[in-house]
Amino acid sequence: MKTFFVLLAITILIVMPSSVQARSVHVSGYTDQGVYVYGDMDVDADDSVVGYVYTQDGRKIYVEGELTSIDTVEIESDSWGGGGYELDIDAYHHL
């Protein structure tokens, strides 16, 4: 029985921090090509972000980047071959 509680405690310590850190952000702004985009992105514990943003005419763009401040995401690459631009964070959502 003691082994069970030790394993349970270890599992909680490992799983809990990652679930507490799970969050997403709603972003908007302009790509490096001047196209307005908006969407939701998942934020990992190391502040890396991934997700899809959408253009006003409904096109979907996969983006990867990094949370650089409390209100900015820097997009390092996108599925259009772009990157190196920033999007504004409009809202945080905790998962």
PDB file of N, CA and C in Angstrom:
ATOM      1  N   MET A   1       0.823  -1.198   0.000  1.00  0.00           N
ATOM      2  CA  MET A   1       0.000   0.000   0.000  1.00  0.00           C
ATOM      3  C   MET A   1       0.866   1.259   0.000  1.00  0.00           C
ATOM      4  N   LYS A   2       1.961   1.211   0.756  1.00  0.00           N
ATOM      5  CA  LYS A   2       2.855   2.360   0.831  1.00  0.00           C
ATOM      6  C   LYS A   2       3.431   2.666  -0.559  1.00  0.00           C
ATOM      7  N   THR A   3       3.774   1.641  -1.328  1.00  0.00           N
ATOM      8  CA  THR A   3       4.302   1.813  -2.678  1.00  0.00           C
ATOM      9  C   THR A   3       3.290   2.514  -3.572  1.00  0.00           C
ATOM     10  N   PHE A   4       2.023   2.163  -3.424  1.00  0.00           N
ATOM     11  CA  PHE A   4       0.970   2.803  -4.209  1.00  0.00           C
ATOM     12  C   PHE A   4       0.957   4.314  -3.976  1.00  0.00           C
ATOM     13  N   PHE A   5       1.000   4.745  -2.718  1.00  0.00           N
ATOM     14  CA  PHE A   5       0.954   6.166  -2.403  1.00  0.00           C
ATOM     15  C   PHE A   5       2.205   6.903  -2.875  1.00  0.00           C
ATOM     16  N   VAL A   6       3.333   6.244  -2.818  1.00  0.00           N
ATOM     17  CA  VAL A   6       4.570   6.848  -3.323  1.00  0.00           C
ATOM     18  C   VAL A   6       4.462   7.053  -4.829  1.00  0.00           C
ATOM     19  N   LEU A   7       3.996   6.034  -5.545  1.00  0.00           N
ATOM     20  CA  LEU A   7       3.814   6.161  -6.994  1.00  0.00           C
ATOM     21  C   LEU A   7       2.761   7.194  -7.345  1.00  0.00           C
ATOM     22  N   LEU A   8       1.695   7.261  -6.567  1.00  0.00           N
ATOM     23  CA  LEU A   8       0.660   8.265  -6.792  1.00  0.00           C
ATOM     24  C   LEU A   8       1.225   9.669  -6.603  1.00  0.00           C
ATOM     25  N   ALA A   9       1.992   9.881  -5.564  1.00  0.00           N
ATOM     26  CA  ALA A   9       2.593  11.190  -5.306  1.00  0.00           C
ATOM     27  C   ALA A   9       3.545  11.587  -6.427  1.00  0.00           C
ATOM     28  N   ILE A  10       4.339  10.665  -6.906  1.00  0.00           N
ATOM     29  CA  ILE A  10       5.272  10.949  -8.004  1.00  0.00           C
ATOM     30  C   ILE A  10       4.500  11.308  -9.267  1.00  0.00           C
ATOM     31  N   THR A  11       3.449  10.563  -9.551  1.00  0.00           N
ATOM     32  CA  THR A  11       2.626  10.834 -10.734  1.00  0.00           C
ATOM     33  C   THR A  11       2.006  12.222 -10.654  1.00  0.00           C
ATOM     34  N   ILE A  12       1.490  12.580  -9.508  1.00  0.00           N
ATOM     35  CA  ILE A  12       0.881  13.903  -9.336  1.00  0.00           C
ATOM     36  C   ILE A  12       1.924  14.997  -9.539  1.00  0.00           C
ATOM     37  N   LEU A  13       3.104  14.817  -9.004  1.00  0.00           N
ATOM     38  CA  LEU A  13       4.155  15.825  -9.149  1.00  0.00           C
ATOM     39  C   LEU A  13       4.606  15.986 -10.593  1.00  0.00           C
ATOM     40  N   ILE A  14       4.559  14.917 -11.349  1.00  0.00           N
ATOM     41  CA  ILE A  14       4.977  14.983 -12.751  1.00  0.00           C
ATOM     42  C   ILE A  14       3.877  15.556 -13.628  1.00  0.00           C
ATOM     43  N   VAL A  15       2.649  15.105 -13.448  1.00  0.00           N
ATOM     44  CA  VAL A  15       1.539  15.501 -14.313  1.00  0.00           C
ATOM     45  C   VAL A  15       1.002  16.884 -13.970  1.00  0.00           C
ATOM     46  N   MET A  16       0.915  17.219 -12.718  1.00  0.00           N
ATOM     47  CA  MET A  16       0.274  18.462 -12.299  1.00  0.00           C
ATOM     48  C   MET A  16       0.937  19.709 -12.863  1.00  0.00           C
ATOM     49  N   PRO A  17       2.252  19.880 -12.806  1.00  0.00           N
ATOM     50  CA  PRO A  17       2.840  21.108 -13.348  1.00  0.00           C
ATOM     51  C   PRO A  17       2.548  21.303 -14.832  1.00  0.00           C
ATOM     52  N   SER A  18       2.559  20.235 -15.614  1.00  0.00           N
ATOM     53  CA  SER A  18       2.300  20.397 -17.034  1.00  0.00           C
ATOM     54  C   SER A  18       0.847  20.758 -17.297  1.00  0.00           C
ATOM     55  N   SER A  19      -0.088  20.238 -16.508  1.00  0.00           N
ATOM     56  CA  SER A  19      -1.491  20.566 -16.731  1.00  0.00           C
ATOM     57  C   SER A  19      -1.811  21.967 -16.228  1.00  0.00           C
ATOM     58  N   VAL A  20      -1.126  22.422 -15.196  1.00  0.00           N
ATOM     59  CA  VAL A  20      -1.351  23.771 -14.690  1.00  0.00           C
ATOM     60  C   VAL A  20      -0.858  24.793 -15.709  1.00  0.00           C
ATOM     61  N   GLN A  21       0.222  24.479 -16.416  1.00  0.00           N
ATOM     62  CA  GLN A  21       0.809  25.389 -17.370  1.00  0.00           C
ATOM     63  C   GLN A  21       0.064  25.434 -18.709  1.00  0.00           C
ATOM     64  N   ALA A  22      -0.817  24.462 -18.959  1.00  0.00           N
ATOM     65  CA  ALA A  22      -1.501  24.393 -20.251  1.00  0.00           C
ATOM     66  C   ALA A  22      -2.378  25.620 -20.446  1.00  0.00           C
ATOM     67  N   ARG A  23      -2.160  26.297 -21.556  1.00  0.00           N
ATOM     68  CA  ARG A  23      -2.942  27.487 -21.845  1.00  0.00           C
ATOM     69  C   ARG A  23      -2.900  27.755 -23.341  1.00  0.00           C
ATOM     70  N   SER A  24      -3.789  28.604 -23.763  1.00  0.00           N
ATOM     71  CA  SER A  24      -3.780  29.034 -25.152  1.00  0.00           C
ATOM     72  C   SER A  24      -3.987  30.540 -25.181  1.00  0.00           C
ATOM     73  N   VAL A  25      -3.662  31.126 -26.312  1.00  0.00           N
ATOM     74  CA  VAL A  25      -3.839  32.563 -26.471  1.00  0.00           C
ATOM     75  C   VAL A  25      -4.599  32.836 -27.762  1.00  0.00           C
ATOM     76  N   HIS A  26      -5.407  33.881 -27.733  1.00  0.00           N
ATOM     77  CA  HIS A  26      -6.055  34.358 -28.953  1.00  0.00           C
ATOM     78  C   HIS A  26      -5.195  35.502 -29.470  1.00  0.00           C
ATOM     79  N   VAL A  27      -4.796  35.416 -30.734  1.00  0.00           N
ATOM     80  CA  VAL A  27      -3.883  36.407 -31.315  1.00  0.00           C
ATOM     81  C   VAL A  27      -4.511  37.060 -32.543  1.00  0.00           C
ATOM     82  N   SER A  28      -3.969  38.218 -32.886  1.00  0.00           N
ATOM     83  CA  SER A  28      -4.355  38.891 -34.129  1.00  0.00           C
ATOM     84  C   SER A  28      -3.236  39.827 -34.537  1.00  0.00           C
ATOM     85  N   GLY A  29      -3.207  40.157 -35.816  1.00  0.00           N
ATOM     86  CA  GLY A  29      -2.188  41.065 -36.330  1.00  0.00           C
ATOM     87  C   GLY A  29      -1.939  40.809 -37.801  1.00  0.00           C
ATOM     88  N   TYR A  30      -0.795  41.280 -38.274  1.00  0.00           N
ATOM     89  CA  TYR A  30      -0.462  41.195 -39.690  1.00  0.00           C
ATOM     90  C   TYR A  30       0.769  40.320 -39.914  1.00  0.00           C
ATOM     91  N   THR A  31       0.715  39.491 -40.959  1.00  0.00           N
ATOM     92  CA  THR A  31       1.857  38.656 -41.312  1.00  0.00           C
ATOM     93  C   THR A  31       2.941  39.520 -41.941  1.00  0.00           C
ATOM     94  N   ASP A  32       4.081  38.897 -42.244  1.00  0.00           N
ATOM     95  CA  ASP A  32       5.159  39.617 -42.913  1.00  0.00           C
ATOM     96  C   ASP A  32       4.777  39.999 -44.343  1.00  0.00           C
ATOM     97  N   GLN A  33       3.673  39.437 -44.848  1.00  0.00           N
ATOM     98  CA  GLN A  33       3.176  39.776 -46.180  1.00  0.00           C
ATOM     99  C   GLN A  33       2.049  40.805 -46.118  1.00  0.00           C
ATOM    100  N   GLY A  34       1.762  41.318 -44.904  1.00  0.00           N
ATOM    101  CA  GLY A  34       0.742  42.348 -44.741  1.00  0.00           C
ATOM    102  C   GLY A  34      -0.685  41.839 -44.699  1.00  0.00           C
ATOM    103  N   VAL A  35      -0.869  40.537 -44.485  1.00  0.00           N
ATOM    104  CA  VAL A  35      -2.200  39.939 -44.435  1.00  0.00           C
ATOM    105  C   VAL A  35      -2.680  39.897 -42.984  1.00  0.00           C
ATOM    106  N   TYR A  36      -3.881  40.418 -42.727  1.00  0.00           N
ATOM    107  CA  TYR A  36      -4.444  40.384 -41.375  1.00  0.00           C
ATOM    108  C   TYR A  36      -4.864  38.955 -41.038  1.00  0.00           C
ATOM    109  N   VAL A  37      -4.457  38.475 -39.838  1.00  0.00           N
ATOM    110  CA  VAL A  37      -4.797  37.128 -39.381  1.00  0.00           C
ATOM    111  C   VAL A  37      -5.249  37.173 -37.923  1.00  0.00           C
ATOM    112  N   TYR A  38      -5.967  36.123 -37.528  1.00  0.00           N
ATOM    113  CA  TYR A  38      -6.418  35.976 -36.145  1.00  0.00           C
ATOM    114  C   TYR A  38      -6.588  34.486 -35.865  1.00  0.00           C
ATOM    115  N   GLY A  39      -6.537  34.104 -34.591  1.00  0.00           N
ATOM    116  CA  GLY A  39      -6.753  32.704 -34.251  1.00  0.00           C
ATOM    117  C   GLY A  39      -6.275  32.373 -32.856  1.00  0.00           C
ATOM    118  N   ASP A  40      -6.342  31.087 -32.533  1.00  0.00           N
ATOM    119  CA  ASP A  40      -5.921  30.593 -31.227  1.00  0.00           C
ATOM    120  C   ASP A  40      -4.675  29.740 -31.369  1.00  0.00           C
ATOM    121  N   MET A  41      -3.767  29.883 -30.410  1.00  0.00           N
ATOM    122  CA  MET A  41      -2.517  29.135 -30.418  1.00  0.00           C
ATOM    123  C   MET A  41      -2.305  28.515 -29.047  1.00  0.00           C
ATOM    124  N   ASP A  42      -1.787  27.280 -29.023  1.00  0.00           N
ATOM    125  CA  ASP A  42      -1.448  26.613 -27.770  1.00  0.00           C
ATOM    126  C   ASP A  42      -0.079  27.079 -27.311  1.00  0.00           C
ATOM    127  N   VAL A  43       0.050  27.297 -26.000  1.00  0.00           N
ATOM    128  CA  VAL A  43       1.318  27.729 -25.405  1.00  0.00           C
ATOM    129  C   VAL A  43       1.840  26.598 -24.526  1.00  0.00           C
ATOM    130  N   ASP A  44       3.073  26.138 -24.793  1.00  0.00           N
ATOM    131  CA  ASP A  44       3.700  25.097 -23.985  1.00  0.00           C
ATOM    132  C   ASP A  44       4.353  25.716 -22.750  1.00  0.00           C
ATOM    133  N   ALA A  45       4.787  24.855 -21.836  1.00  0.00           N
ATOM    134  CA  ALA A  45       5.429  25.310 -20.600  1.00  0.00           C
ATOM    135  C   ALA A  45       6.687  26.124 -20.871  1.00  0.00           C
ATOM    136  N   ASP A  46       7.364  25.866 -22.005  1.00  0.00           N
ATOM    137  CA  ASP A  46       8.578  26.617 -22.342  1.00  0.00           C
ATOM    138  C   ASP A  46       8.272  27.864 -23.172  1.00  0.00           C
ATOM    139  N   ASP A  47       6.996  28.258 -23.236  1.00  0.00           N
ATOM    140  CA  ASP A  47       6.510  29.448 -23.949  1.00  0.00           C
ATOM    141  C   ASP A  47       6.598  29.346 -25.470  1.00  0.00           C
ATOM    142  N   SER A  48       6.799  28.137 -26.008  1.00  0.00           N
ATOM    143  CA  SER A  48       6.695  27.984 -27.458  1.00  0.00           C
ATOM    144  C   SER A  48       5.207  27.898 -27.808  1.00  0.00           C
ATOM    145  N   VAL A  49       4.853  28.379 -28.997  1.00  0.00           N
ATOM    146  CA  VAL A  49       3.452  28.405 -29.411  1.00  0.00           C
ATOM    147  C   VAL A  49       3.289  27.746 -30.776  1.00  0.00           C
ATOM    148  N   VAL A  50       2.160  27.073 -30.962  1.00  0.00           N
ATOM    149  CA  VAL A  50       1.800  26.475 -32.239  1.00  0.00           C
ATOM    150  C   VAL A  50       0.296  26.614 -32.414  1.00  0.00           C
ATOM    151  N   GLY A  51      -0.139  26.678 -33.650  1.00  0.00           N
ATOM    152  CA  GLY A  51      -1.566  26.735 -33.895  1.00  0.00           C
ATOM    153  C   GLY A  51      -1.886  27.220 -35.287  1.00  0.00           C
ATOM    154  N   TYR A  52      -3.148  27.515 -35.497  1.00  0.00           N
ATOM    155  CA  TYR A  52      -3.619  28.005 -36.785  1.00  0.00           C
ATOM    156  C   TYR A  52      -4.173  29.404 -36.627  1.00  0.00           C
ATOM    157  N   VAL A  53      -3.866  30.239 -37.591  1.00  0.00           N
ATOM    158  CA  VAL A  53      -4.499  31.545 -37.697  1.00  0.00           C
ATOM    159  C   VAL A  53      -5.239  31.580 -39.031  1.00  0.00           C
ATOM    160  N   TYR A  54      -6.185  32.467 -39.119  1.00  0.00           N
ATOM    161  CA  TYR A  54      -7.052  32.534 -40.294  1.00  0.00           C
ATOM    162  C   TYR A  54      -7.039  33.941 -40.885  1.00  0.00           C
ATOM    163  N   THR A  55      -7.106  33.994 -42.210  1.00  0.00           N
ATOM    164  CA  THR A  55      -7.213  35.286 -42.889  1.00  0.00           C
ATOM    165  C   THR A  55      -8.683  35.692 -42.910  1.00  0.00           C
ATOM    166  N   GLN A  56      -8.939  36.936 -43.282  1.00  0.00           N
ATOM    167  CA  GLN A  56     -10.315  37.414 -43.320  1.00  0.00           C
ATOM    168  C   GLN A  56     -11.149  36.688 -44.362  1.00  0.00           C
ATOM    169  N   ASP A  57     -10.505  36.114 -45.375  1.00  0.00           N
ATOM    170  CA  ASP A  57     -11.272  35.359 -46.373  1.00  0.00           C
ATOM    171  C   ASP A  57     -11.297  33.858 -46.075  1.00  0.00           C
ATOM    172  N   GLY A  58     -10.880  33.458 -44.841  1.00  0.00           N
ATOM    173  CA  GLY A  58     -11.029  32.080 -44.389  1.00  0.00           C
ATOM    174  C   GLY A  58      -9.873  31.140 -44.657  1.00  0.00           C
ATOM    175  N   ARG A  59      -8.769  31.627 -45.219  1.00  0.00           N
ATOM    176  CA  ARG A  59      -7.619  30.748 -45.434  1.00  0.00           C
ATOM    177  C   ARG A  59      -6.935  30.447 -44.102  1.00  0.00           C
ATOM    178  N   LYS A  60      -6.452  29.209 -43.962  1.00  0.00           N
ATOM    179  CA  LYS A  60      -5.848  28.744 -42.718  1.00  0.00           C
ATOM    180  C   LYS A  60      -4.332  28.688 -42.883  1.00  0.00           C
ATOM    181  N   ILE A  61      -3.614  29.215 -41.878  1.00  0.00           N
ATOM    182  CA  ILE A  61      -2.152  29.228 -41.893  1.00  0.00           C
ATOM    183  C   ILE A  61      -1.651  28.591 -40.601  1.00  0.00           C
ATOM    184  N   TYR A  62      -0.807  27.565 -40.708  1.00  0.00           N
ATOM    185  CA  TYR A  62      -0.190  26.953 -39.537  1.00  0.00           C
ATOM    186  C   TYR A  62       1.010  27.794 -39.137  1.00  0.00           C
ATOM    187  N   VAL A  63       1.103  28.141 -37.847  1.00  0.00           N
ATOM    188  CA  VAL A  63       2.201  28.992 -37.376  1.00  0.00           C
ATOM    189  C   VAL A  63       2.883  28.370 -36.162  1.00  0.00           C
ATOM    190  N   GLU A  64       4.177  28.652 -36.039  1.00  0.00           N
ATOM    191  CA  GLU A  64       4.979  28.255 -34.883  1.00  0.00           C
ATOM    192  C   GLU A  64       5.758  29.470 -34.423  1.00  0.00           C
ATOM    193  N   GLY A  65       5.917  29.601 -33.111  1.00  0.00           N
ATOM    194  CA  GLY A  65       6.656  30.739 -32.609  1.00  0.00           C
ATOM    195  C   GLY A  65       6.926  30.647 -31.128  1.00  0.00           C
ATOM    196  N   GLU A  66       7.031  31.831 -30.523  1.00  0.00           N
ATOM    197  CA  GLU A  66       7.411  31.921 -29.119  1.00  0.00           C
ATOM    198  C   GLU A  66       6.702  33.096 -28.474  1.00  0.00           C
ATOM    199  N   LEU A  67       6.267  32.884 -27.246  1.00  0.00           N
ATOM    200  CA  LEU A  67       5.690  33.954 -26.447  1.00  0.00           C
ATOM    201  C   LEU A  67       6.840  34.855 -26.012  1.00  0.00           C
ATOM    202  N   THR A  68       6.873  36.096 -26.477  1.00  0.00           N
ATOM    203  CA  THR A  68       8.016  36.964 -26.189  1.00  0.00           C
ATOM    204  C   THR A  68       7.731  37.981 -25.092  1.00  0.00           C
ATOM    205  N   SER A  69       6.476  38.249 -24.818  1.00  0.00           N
ATOM    206  CA  SER A  69       6.093  39.125 -23.715  1.00  0.00           C
ATOM    207  C   SER A  69       4.668  38.781 -23.325  1.00  0.00           C
ATOM    208  N   ILE A  70       4.141  39.468 -22.359  1.00  0.00           N
ATOM    209  CA  ILE A  70       2.791  39.178 -21.887  1.00  0.00           C
ATOM    210  C   ILE A  70       1.729  39.482 -22.950  1.00  0.00           C
ATOM    211  N   ASP A  71       2.084  40.291 -23.944  1.00  0.00           N
ATOM    212  CA  ASP A  71       1.083  40.665 -24.951  1.00  0.00           C
ATOM    213  C   ASP A  71       1.533  40.451 -26.393  1.00  0.00           C
ATOM    214  N   THR A  72       2.621  39.675 -26.599  1.00  0.00           N
ATOM    215  CA  THR A  72       3.145  39.491 -27.956  1.00  0.00           C
ATOM    216  C   THR A  72       3.627  38.063 -28.192  1.00  0.00           C
ATOM    217  N   VAL A  73       3.313  37.552 -29.377  1.00  0.00           N
ATOM    218  CA  VAL A  73       3.832  36.274 -29.851  1.00  0.00           C
ATOM    219  C   VAL A  73       4.677  36.553 -31.087  1.00  0.00           C
ATOM    220  N   GLU A  74       5.910  36.064 -31.093  1.00  0.00           N
ATOM    221  CA  GLU A  74       6.754  36.187 -32.282  1.00  0.00           C
ATOM    222  C   GLU A  74       6.602  34.923 -33.120  1.00  0.00           C
ATOM    223  N   ILE A  75       6.172  35.081 -34.360  1.00  0.00           N
ATOM    224  CA  ILE A  75       6.001  33.955 -35.259  1.00  0.00           C
ATOM    225  C   ILE A  75       7.330  33.705 -35.958  1.00  0.00           C
ATOM    226  N   GLU A  76       7.880  32.516 -35.726  1.00  0.00           N
ATOM    227  CA  GLU A  76       9.167  32.164 -36.321  1.00  0.00           C
ATOM    228  C   GLU A  76       9.007  31.559 -37.704  1.00  0.00           C
ATOM    229  N   SER A  77       7.894  30.839 -37.932  1.00  0.00           N
ATOM    230  CA  SER A  77       7.650  30.266 -39.259  1.00  0.00           C
ATOM    231  C   SER A  77       6.153  30.051 -39.448  1.00  0.00           C
ATOM    232  N   ASP A  78       5.737  30.081 -40.714  1.00  0.00           N
ATOM    233  CA  ASP A  78       4.346  29.754 -41.026  1.00  0.00           C
ATOM    234  C   ASP A  78       4.284  28.905 -42.289  1.00  0.00           C
ATOM    235  N   SER A  79       3.123  28.327 -42.538  1.00  0.00           N
ATOM    236  CA  SER A  79       2.979  27.411 -43.667  1.00  0.00           C
ATOM    237  C   SER A  79       2.972  28.119 -45.018  1.00  0.00           C
ATOM    238  N   TRP A  80       3.021  29.430 -45.017  1.00  0.00           N
ATOM    239  CA  TRP A  80       3.140  30.198 -46.257  1.00  0.00           C
ATOM    240  C   TRP A  80       4.595  30.506 -46.582  1.00  0.00           C
ATOM    241  N   GLY A  81       5.522  29.996 -45.777  1.00  0.00           N
ATOM    242  CA  GLY A  81       6.939  30.247 -46.007  1.00  0.00           C
ATOM    243  C   GLY A  81       7.431  31.543 -45.381  1.00  0.00           C
ATOM    244  N   GLY A  82       6.616  32.132 -44.522  1.00  0.00           N
ATOM    245  CA  GLY A  82       6.992  33.393 -43.888  1.00  0.00           C
ATOM    246  C   GLY A  82       7.439  33.182 -42.458  1.00  0.00           C
ATOM    247  N   GLY A  83       7.619  34.274 -41.768  1.00  0.00           N
ATOM    248  CA  GLY A  83       8.021  34.260 -40.369  1.00  0.00           C
ATOM    249  C   GLY A  83       8.714  35.557 -40.024  1.00  0.00           C
ATOM    250  N   GLY A  84       9.080  35.695 -38.767  1.00  0.00           N
ATOM    251  CA  GLY A  84       9.767  36.895 -38.327  1.00  0.00           C
ATOM    252  C   GLY A  84       8.842  38.069 -38.083  1.00  0.00           C
ATOM    253  N   TYR A  85       7.584  37.785 -37.773  1.00  0.00           N
ATOM    254  CA  TYR A  85       6.651  38.863 -37.465  1.00  0.00           C
ATOM    255  C   TYR A  85       5.996  38.610 -36.116  1.00  0.00           C
ATOM    256  N   GLU A  86       5.355  39.627 -35.570  1.00  0.00           N
ATOM    257  CA  GLU A  86       4.734  39.522 -34.260  1.00  0.00           C
ATOM    258  C   GLU A  86       3.224  39.649 -34.383  1.00  0.00           C
ATOM    259  N   LEU A  87       2.522  38.917 -33.510  1.00  0.00           N
ATOM    260  CA  LEU A  87       1.073  39.027 -33.399  1.00  0.00           C
ATOM    261  C   LEU A  87       0.738  39.463 -31.979  1.00  0.00           C
ATOM    262  N   ASP A  88      -0.305  40.262 -31.837  1.00  0.00           N
ATOM    263  CA  ASP A  88      -0.747  40.725 -30.525  1.00  0.00           C
ATOM    264  C   ASP A  88      -1.583  39.653 -29.845  1.00  0.00           C
ATOM    265  N   ILE A  89      -1.400  39.513 -28.531  1.00  0.00           N
ATOM    266  CA  ILE A  89      -2.224  38.596 -27.746  1.00  0.00           C
ATOM    267  C   ILE A  89      -3.441  39.378 -27.274  1.00  0.00           C
ATOM    268  N   ASP A  90      -4.628  38.898 -27.675  1.00  0.00           N
ATOM    269  CA  ASP A  90      -5.872  39.557 -27.299  1.00  0.00           C
ATOM    270  C   ASP A  90      -6.458  38.978 -26.013  1.00  0.00           C
ATOM    271  N   ALA A  91      -6.218  37.683 -25.757  1.00  0.00           N
ATOM    272  CA  ALA A  91      -6.772  37.034 -24.565  1.00  0.00           C
ATOM    273  C   ALA A  91      -6.004  35.754 -24.266  1.00  0.00           C
ATOM    274  N   TYR A  92      -5.950  35.400 -22.983  1.00  0.00           N
ATOM    275  CA  TYR A  92      -5.386  34.131 -22.516  1.00  0.00           C
ATOM    276  C   TYR A  92      -6.530  33.198 -22.138  1.00  0.00           C
ATOM    277  N   HIS A  93      -6.363  31.910 -22.406  1.00  0.00           N
ATOM    278  CA  HIS A  93      -7.327  30.892 -22.014  1.00  0.00           C
ATOM    279  C   HIS A  93      -6.570  29.775 -21.323  1.00  0.00           C
ATOM    280  N   HIS A  94      -6.950  29.449 -20.089  1.00  0.00           N
ATOM    281  CA  HIS A  94      -6.305  28.338 -19.375  1.00  0.00           C
ATOM    282  C   HIS A  94      -7.094  27.072 -19.640  1.00  0.00           C
ATOM    283  N   LEU A  95      -6.376  26.031 -20.028  1.00  0.00           N
ATOM    284  CA  LEU A  95      -7.018  24.760 -20.387  1.00  0.00           C
ATOM    285  C   LEU A  95      -7.173  23.859 -19.186  1.00  0.00           C
TER     286      LEU A  95
END
